[in-house]
Protein backbone atom coordinates (compact mmCIF):
# COMPACT_ATOMS: atom_id res chain seq x y z
CA UNK A 1 0.00 0.00 0.00
CA UNK A 2 1.33 3.42 -0.84
CA UNK A 3 1.49 6.34 1.56
CA UNK A 4 -1.39 7.95 -0.33
CA UNK A 5 -3.84 5.29 0.77
CA UNK A 6 -2.47 5.43 4.29
CA UNK A 7 -3.05 9.16 4.44
CA UNK A 8 -6.66 9.28 3.40
CA UNK A 9 -7.12 7.74 -0.02
CA UNK A 10 -9.90 5.29 0.81
CA UNK A 11 -12.86 6.68 -1.14
CA UNK A 12 -14.15 5.24 -4.42
CA UNK A 13 -16.98 6.26 -6.75
CA UNK A 14 -17.86 2.58 -7.05
CA UNK A 15 -17.88 1.56 -3.38
CA UNK A 16 -21.26 -0.19 -3.64
CA UNK A 17 -20.15 -1.98 -6.79
CA UNK A 18 -16.97 -3.09 -5.05
CA UNK A 19 -18.92 -4.70 -2.17
CA UNK A 20 -20.92 -7.04 -4.34
CA UNK A 21 -18.14 -7.48 -6.88
CA UNK A 22 -16.35 -9.62 -4.29
CA UNK A 23 -18.97 -12.27 -5.02
CA UNK A 24 -18.40 -12.24 -8.76
CA UNK A 25 -15.76 -13.99 -10.79
CA UNK A 26 -14.41 -10.57 -11.80
CA UNK A 27 -12.56 -10.18 -8.53
CA UNK A 28 -11.02 -13.62 -8.95
CA UNK A 29 -10.02 -12.62 -12.48
CA UNK A 30 -8.41 -9.48 -11.16
CA UNK A 31 -6.47 -11.31 -8.47
CA UNK A 32 -5.23 -14.07 -10.72
CA UNK A 33 -4.32 -11.83 -13.63
CA UNK A 34 -2.47 -9.08 -11.82
CA UNK A 35 -1.40 -9.27 -8.18
CA UNK A 36 -2.70 -10.31 -4.79
CA UNK A 37 -3.19 -6.76 -3.53
CA UNK A 38 -6.14 -5.93 -5.76
CA UNK A 39 -8.85 -7.12 -3.39
CA UNK A 40 -6.91 -6.39 -0.21
CA UNK A 41 -8.37 -4.29 2.56
CA UNK A 42 -6.53 -0.97 2.31
CA UNK A 43 -8.67 1.30 4.48
CA UNK A 44 -6.97 4.55 5.40
CA UNK A 45 -6.15 5.37 8.98
CA UNK A 46 -7.39 8.70 10.20
CA UNK A 47 -7.31 8.79 14.04
CA UNK A 48 -5.72 11.70 15.81
CA UNK A 49 -2.55 10.48 17.51
CA UNK A 50 -0.01 12.15 19.75
CA UNK A 51 2.95 10.36 18.23
CA UNK A 52 3.40 9.69 14.54
CA UNK A 53 3.52 6.07 13.49
CA UNK A 54 4.90 4.52 10.33
CA UNK A 55 4.20 0.87 9.53
CA UNK A 56 6.94 -0.62 7.37
CA UNK A 57 7.07 -3.90 5.49
CA UNK A 58 9.48 -6.44 6.89
CA UNK A 59 11.85 -8.41 4.71
CA UNK A 60 10.97 -12.03 4.09
CA UNK A 61 7.22 -11.59 4.43
CA UNK A 62 7.21 -11.22 8.20
CA UNK A 63 4.67 -9.06 10.00
CA UNK A 64 5.05 -5.34 9.31
CA UNK A 65 6.97 -3.30 11.86
CA UNK A 66 5.43 -0.24 13.52
CA UNK A 67 7.79 2.65 14.17
CA UNK A 68 6.74 5.28 16.72
CA UNK A 69 8.39 8.51 15.72
CA UNK A 70 8.10 12.13 14.72
CA UNK A 71 7.77 12.63 10.98
CA UNK A 72 10.31 15.23 9.90
CA UNK A 73 9.51 15.21 6.19
CA UNK A 74 7.70 13.37 3.43
CA UNK A 75 9.22 14.38 0.12
CA UNK A 76 9.95 12.75 -3.19
CA UNK A 77 9.92 9.00 -2.66
CA UNK A 78 11.00 8.98 0.96
CA UNK A 79 9.84 9.71 4.47
CA UNK A 80 12.24 11.06 7.12
CA UNK A 81 11.44 10.13 10.72
CA UNK A 82 13.05 10.93 14.06
CA UNK A 83 12.91 8.19 16.66
CA UNK A 84 13.72 8.29 20.36
CA UNK A 85 16.62 10.55 21.11
CA UNK A 86 18.08 12.00 17.94
CA UNK A 87 18.03 8.94 15.70
CA UNK A 88 16.95 9.88 12.18
CA UNK A 89 15.83 7.29 9.66
CA UNK A 90 15.05 7.66 5.97
CA UNK A 91 12.44 5.19 4.73
CA UNK A 92 11.47 4.55 1.12
CA UNK A 93 7.78 5.17 0.55
CA UNK A 94 7.54 1.91 -1.39
CA UNK A 95 8.34 0.12 1.87
CA UNK A 96 5.62 1.93 3.83
CA UNK A 97 2.38 0.10 4.57
CA UNK A 98 0.61 2.92 6.40
CA UNK A 99 1.20 6.22 8.14
CA UNK A 100 -0.53 7.84 11.09
CA UNK A 101 0.11 11.43 12.05
CA UNK A 102 -1.55 14.22 13.96
CA UNK A 103 -4.26 15.89 11.90
CA UNK A 104 -6.46 18.84 12.66
CA UNK A 105 -10.20 18.40 12.95
CA UNK A 106 -10.58 20.24 9.63
CA UNK A 107 -8.13 17.89 7.88
CA UNK A 108 -9.92 14.81 9.16
CA UNK A 109 -13.27 16.27 8.15
CA UNK A 110 -11.94 17.04 4.69
CA UNK A 111 -10.73 13.46 4.26
CA UNK A 112 -14.08 12.12 5.43
CA UNK A 113 -15.99 14.30 2.98
CA UNK A 114 -13.69 13.26 0.13
CA UNK A 115 -14.57 9.65 0.87
CA UNK A 116 -18.25 10.57 0.81
CA UNK A 117 -17.77 12.44 -2.50
CA UNK A 118 -19.04 15.63 -0.89
CA UNK A 119 -16.48 17.63 -2.82
CA UNK A 120 -17.61 21.13 -1.89
CA UNK A 121 -17.64 20.46 1.84
CA UNK A 122 -14.31 18.67 1.56
CA UNK A 123 -12.87 21.70 -0.22
CA UNK A 124 -14.02 24.08 2.52
CA UNK A 125 -12.60 21.88 5.29
CA UNK A 126 -9.27 21.35 3.55
CA UNK A 127 -8.91 25.05 2.74
CA UNK A 128 -9.33 25.76 6.44
CA UNK A 129 -6.94 22.98 7.42
CA UNK A 130 -4.09 24.22 5.22
CA UNK A 131 -4.18 27.70 6.80
CA UNK A 132 -3.57 26.33 10.30
CA UNK A 133 -0.98 23.67 9.43
CA UNK A 134 2.62 24.71 10.16
CA UNK A 135 4.42 21.55 9.01
CA UNK A 136 5.58 21.98 5.42
CA UNK A 137 5.22 18.32 4.52
CA UNK A 138 1.72 18.15 6.06
CA UNK A 139 0.66 21.23 4.08
CA UNK A 140 1.72 19.39 0.93
CA UNK A 141 -0.44 16.44 1.94
CA UNK A 142 -3.44 18.72 2.50
CA UNK A 143 -2.82 20.48 -0.81
CA UNK A 144 -2.77 17.13 -2.59
CA UNK A 145 -6.24 16.40 -1.25
CA UNK A 146 -7.30 19.92 -2.20
CA UNK A 147 -6.18 19.18 -5.76
CA UNK A 148 -8.38 16.08 -5.75
CA UNK A 149 -11.39 18.11 -4.66
CA UNK A 150 -10.74 20.80 -7.29
CA UNK A 151 -10.41 18.17 -10.00
CA UNK A 152 -13.61 16.40 -8.91
CA UNK A 153 -15.46 19.71 -9.09
CA UNK A 154 -14.13 20.41 -12.57
CA UNK A 155 -12.00 23.32 -11.33
CA UNK A 156 -9.09 22.10 -13.38
CA UNK A 157 -7.02 25.29 -13.42
CA UNK A 158 -7.13 25.51 -9.63
CA UNK A 159 -6.17 21.85 -9.43
CA UNK A 160 -3.19 22.48 -11.70
CA UNK A 161 -2.13 25.57 -9.74
CA UNK A 162 -2.32 23.62 -6.47
CA UNK A 163 -0.10 20.84 -7.80
CA UNK A 164 2.32 23.45 -9.14
CA UNK A 165 2.55 24.85 -5.61
CA UNK A 166 3.39 21.39 -4.25
CA UNK A 167 6.04 20.84 -6.92
CA UNK A 168 7.72 24.16 -6.13
CA UNK A 169 8.24 22.90 -2.58
CA UNK A 170 8.94 19.25 -3.48
CA UNK A 171 10.15 18.87 -7.10
CA UNK A 172 10.05 15.07 -7.06
CA UNK A 173 6.68 14.83 -5.33
CA UNK A 174 4.49 11.80 -5.91
CA UNK A 175 1.53 14.21 -5.82
CA UNK A 176 1.98 15.08 -9.51
CA UNK A 177 -0.43 12.18 -9.94
CA UNK A 178 -3.18 14.64 -8.94
CA UNK A 179 -2.66 16.73 -12.08
CA UNK A 180 -5.84 17.17 -14.17
CA UNK A 181 -4.38 15.28 -17.11
CA UNK A 182 -6.60 14.30 -20.02
CA UNK A 183 -6.84 10.51 -20.23
CA UNK A 184 -9.88 10.40 -22.49
CA UNK A 185 -10.10 12.96 -25.27
CA UNK A 186 -13.64 11.78 -26.07
CA UNK A 187 -15.06 13.41 -22.94
CA UNK A 188 -17.07 16.62 -23.42
CA UNK A 189 -14.90 19.74 -23.33
CA UNK A 190 -16.35 20.85 -19.98
CA UNK A 191 -15.16 17.59 -18.41
CA UNK A 192 -11.47 18.05 -19.24
CA UNK A 193 -8.98 20.86 -18.85
CA UNK A 194 -8.71 23.38 -21.68
CA UNK A 195 -5.25 24.83 -22.26
CA UNK A 196 -3.66 26.80 -25.10
CA UNK A 197 -0.66 26.09 -27.30
CA UNK A 198 1.27 28.74 -25.35
CA UNK A 199 1.06 26.51 -22.26
CA UNK A 200 3.29 23.98 -24.02
CA UNK A 201 6.09 26.54 -23.60
CA UNK A 202 5.35 27.32 -19.96
CA UNK A 203 8.34 27.46 -17.56
CA UNK A 204 6.36 25.01 -15.42
CA UNK A 205 6.99 21.44 -16.52
CA UNK A 206 3.80 20.21 -14.87
CA UNK A 207 1.85 22.76 -16.91
CA UNK A 208 3.68 21.61 -20.04
CA UNK A 209 2.68 18.02 -19.35
CA UNK A 210 -0.92 18.97 -18.63
CA UNK A 211 -1.10 21.07 -21.79
CA UNK A 212 0.38 18.25 -23.87
CA UNK A 213 -2.25 15.85 -22.51
CA UNK A 214 -4.99 18.35 -23.36
CA UNK A 215 -3.76 19.10 -26.88
CA UNK A 216 -2.43 15.72 -27.98
CA UNK A 217 -5.63 14.77 -29.81
CA UNK A 218 -5.83 18.04 -31.76
CA UNK A 219 -4.33 17.49 -35.20
CA UNK A 220 -2.96 21.05 -35.35
CA UNK A 221 -1.16 20.63 -32.02
CA UNK A 222 -0.26 16.94 -32.03
CA UNK A 223 3.32 17.39 -33.25
CA UNK A 224 4.04 20.14 -30.71
CA UNK A 225 2.51 18.10 -27.88
CA UNK A 226 4.56 15.04 -28.85
CA UNK A 227 7.73 17.13 -28.93
CA UNK A 228 7.03 18.42 -25.42
CA UNK A 229 6.34 14.94 -24.07
CA UNK A 230 9.52 13.52 -25.58
CA UNK A 231 11.59 16.39 -24.19
CA UNK A 232 10.07 15.87 -20.75
CA UNK A 233 10.74 12.15 -20.96
CA UNK A 234 14.48 12.81 -21.31
CA UNK A 235 14.74 14.64 -17.97
CA UNK A 236 11.77 13.42 -15.93
CA UNK A 237 12.03 11.03 -12.98
CA UNK A 238 9.73 9.19 -10.62
CA UNK A 239 5.97 9.51 -10.88
CA UNK A 240 6.27 12.43 -13.28
CA UNK A 241 8.18 10.27 -15.74
CA UNK A 242 5.53 7.55 -15.56
CA UNK A 243 2.78 10.05 -16.36
CA UNK A 244 4.76 11.38 -19.33
CA UNK A 245 5.26 7.85 -20.68
CA UNK A 246 1.60 6.96 -20.28
CA UNK A 247 0.60 10.09 -22.17
CA UNK A 248 2.87 9.02 -25.01
CA UNK A 249 1.07 5.65 -25.01
CA UNK A 250 -2.11 7.57 -25.82
CA UNK A 251 -0.70 8.21 -29.28
CA UNK A 252 -1.46 4.59 -30.15
CA UNK A 253 -5.10 5.17 -29.23
CA UNK A 254 -5.21 8.21 -31.48
CA UNK A 255 -3.63 6.14 -34.27
CA UNK A 256 -4.99 2.62 -33.63
CA UNK A 257 -3.44 1.27 -36.81
CA UNK A 258 -0.12 1.57 -34.96
CA UNK A 259 -1.24 -0.56 -32.01
CA UNK A 260 0.73 -3.74 -31.50
CA UNK A 261 -0.26 -6.47 -29.05
CA UNK A 262 3.34 -6.99 -27.90
CA UNK A 263 3.70 -3.31 -27.10
CA UNK A 264 0.50 -3.24 -25.05
CA UNK A 265 1.67 -6.33 -23.20
CA UNK A 266 4.90 -4.55 -22.31
CA UNK A 267 2.86 -1.65 -20.89
CA UNK A 268 0.86 -4.11 -18.79
CA UNK A 269 4.04 -5.57 -17.38
CA UNK A 270 5.53 -2.15 -16.70
CA UNK A 271 2.62 -0.75 -14.68
CA UNK A 272 2.84 -3.62 -12.22
CA UNK A 273 5.94 -1.89 -10.86
CA UNK A 274 4.04 1.34 -10.14
CA UNK A 275 2.26 2.31 -6.95
CA UNK A 276 -1.49 1.90 -6.90
CA UNK A 277 -2.36 5.57 -7.36
CA UNK A 278 0.03 6.16 -10.24
CA UNK A 279 -1.36 3.13 -12.10
CA UNK A 280 -4.84 4.60 -12.46
CA UNK A 281 -4.45 6.69 -15.62
CA UNK A 282 -2.02 4.29 -17.32
CA UNK A 283 -4.36 1.33 -16.64
CA UNK A 284 -7.16 3.23 -18.39
CA UNK A 285 -4.94 3.72 -21.44
CA UNK A 286 -3.96 0.05 -21.37
CA UNK A 287 -7.59 -1.01 -21.03
CA UNK A 288 -8.61 1.04 -24.04
CA UNK A 289 -5.71 -0.41 -26.04
CA UNK A 290 -6.62 -3.97 -25.03
CA UNK A 291 -10.19 -3.30 -26.14
CA UNK A 292 -8.89 -2.15 -29.51
CA UNK A 293 -6.82 -5.34 -29.86
CA UNK A 294 -9.81 -7.53 -28.83
CA UNK A 295 -8.26 -8.78 -25.56
CA UNK A 296 -11.51 -8.26 -23.69
CA UNK A 297 -10.85 -10.11 -20.42
CA UNK A 298 -7.63 -8.23 -19.76
CA UNK A 299 -9.25 -5.01 -20.94
CA UNK A 300 -11.93 -5.40 -18.26
CA UNK A 301 -9.23 -5.96 -15.64
CA UNK A 302 -7.40 -2.75 -16.54
CA UNK A 303 -10.54 -0.68 -16.97
CA UNK A 304 -11.86 -1.66 -13.54
CA UNK A 305 -8.68 -0.44 -11.85
CA UNK A 306 -9.70 3.22 -11.75
CA UNK A 307 -13.34 2.93 -10.64
CA UNK A 308 -12.73 0.20 -8.08
CA UNK A 309 -9.32 1.07 -6.68
CA UNK A 310 -8.09 4.57 -7.44
CA UNK A 311 -10.69 6.96 -8.91
CA UNK A 312 -9.61 10.13 -10.65
CA UNK A 313 -12.10 12.84 -11.61
CA UNK A 314 -15.71 11.58 -11.85
CA UNK A 315 -16.12 11.90 -15.66
CA UNK A 316 -12.92 9.95 -16.37
CA UNK A 317 -13.78 7.37 -13.73
CA UNK A 318 -17.27 6.99 -15.20
CA UNK A 319 -15.77 6.53 -18.68
CA UNK A 320 -13.44 3.82 -17.41
CA UNK A 321 -16.30 1.93 -15.78
CA UNK A 322 -18.49 2.18 -18.87
CA UNK A 323 -15.63 0.84 -20.99
CA UNK A 324 -15.23 -2.01 -18.48
CA UNK A 325 -18.90 -2.91 -18.95
CA UNK A 326 -18.36 -2.98 -22.70
CA UNK A 327 -15.30 -5.20 -22.27
CA UNK A 328 -17.26 -7.62 -20.07
CA UNK A 329 -20.03 -7.83 -22.65
CA UNK A 330 -17.57 -8.46 -25.47
CA UNK A 331 -15.84 -11.15 -23.40
CA UNK A 332 -19.15 -12.97 -22.96
CA UNK A 333 -19.60 -11.99 -19.31
CA UNK A 334 -23.05 -10.56 -19.87
CA UNK A 335 -24.40 -11.31 -16.38
CA UNK A 336 -21.50 -9.49 -14.71
CA UNK A 337 -21.90 -6.58 -17.12
CA UNK A 338 -25.65 -6.40 -16.40
CA UNK A 339 -25.08 -6.44 -12.63
CA UNK A 340 -22.46 -3.73 -12.92
CA UNK A 341 -24.77 -1.61 -15.04
CA UNK A 342 -27.71 -2.04 -12.65
CA UNK A 343 -25.69 -1.23 -9.53
CA UNK A 344 -23.63 1.56 -10.99
CA UNK A 345 -24.68 5.11 -10.14
CA UNK A 346 -22.90 7.74 -12.25
CA UNK A 347 -20.95 10.36 -10.35
CA UNK A 348 -21.51 13.91 -11.45
CA UNK A 349 -23.66 16.85 -10.51
CA UNK A 350 -25.24 15.03 -7.59
CA UNK A 351 -21.79 14.67 -6.04
CA UNK A 352 -21.01 18.35 -6.31
């Protein structure tokens, strides 16, 4: 489990679907075809605590170890903790199972409302929480959740500006995953960020990436967007690099005659190395590509990742779930598709 889930990433637009999906063969398909963490219980931990606690995986599959500490920083791909006395430890986030730290009442309320998809109330609570938080790393965590709320509400420019603020303080932040990137160019214009060609030349690399994702499908801007993505790929690292690569994969969806099964299979193998949150957009791209190459079972697996495990903005999440239903139908799993369709409640205005 990544630190994101441990710090309040438990909500899902398809929570009701997920409950009954345990009883379908889909969940078994997901577990067998990808990894054993897909159906694991990964509830976030939100209690107020006096001491910070970090739960770390133990080598050899032993029980995780709980470290009582004071968190000094969470930046890039590491967490810095101070234990008893003056002992300082640096822990890789990929080794972290969960994190508990002191949160204000407003922060906890914001997390709760995010889980309930009450975006506006979450936004108000988180905006209040960030003004009273004096720990730099904790402000970044709050801002990441603020970006999620802005994106869910369709306030894409504010979402982008919030992530830019995080990146200025932590250039290698994992929170770039909250950028309002376009993963489905077929969505109505009001459901995806609108940026201009000038944004491709912005001094902000995160704005460049976002602009490239928004303009990639426009024939007049495709070449410029590709050039930006390839330039970013040369210097990018971490989560940012993975997002750049996945946006380049989208080119194959725009030019399906270039799709090759072996290439899509390599993408599927690659994303298994990513943390759960980062996988969401790339899995959607992979699912769409697998649909195009008629690999319907695996397409359903990838397309269910976002709605069941790590939702992005509601319109994109809805699109992923609808594509999953199509994949199930095409794979001959009509009963599962019908159940998913009956239980599914679109997220949208009612959630705002």
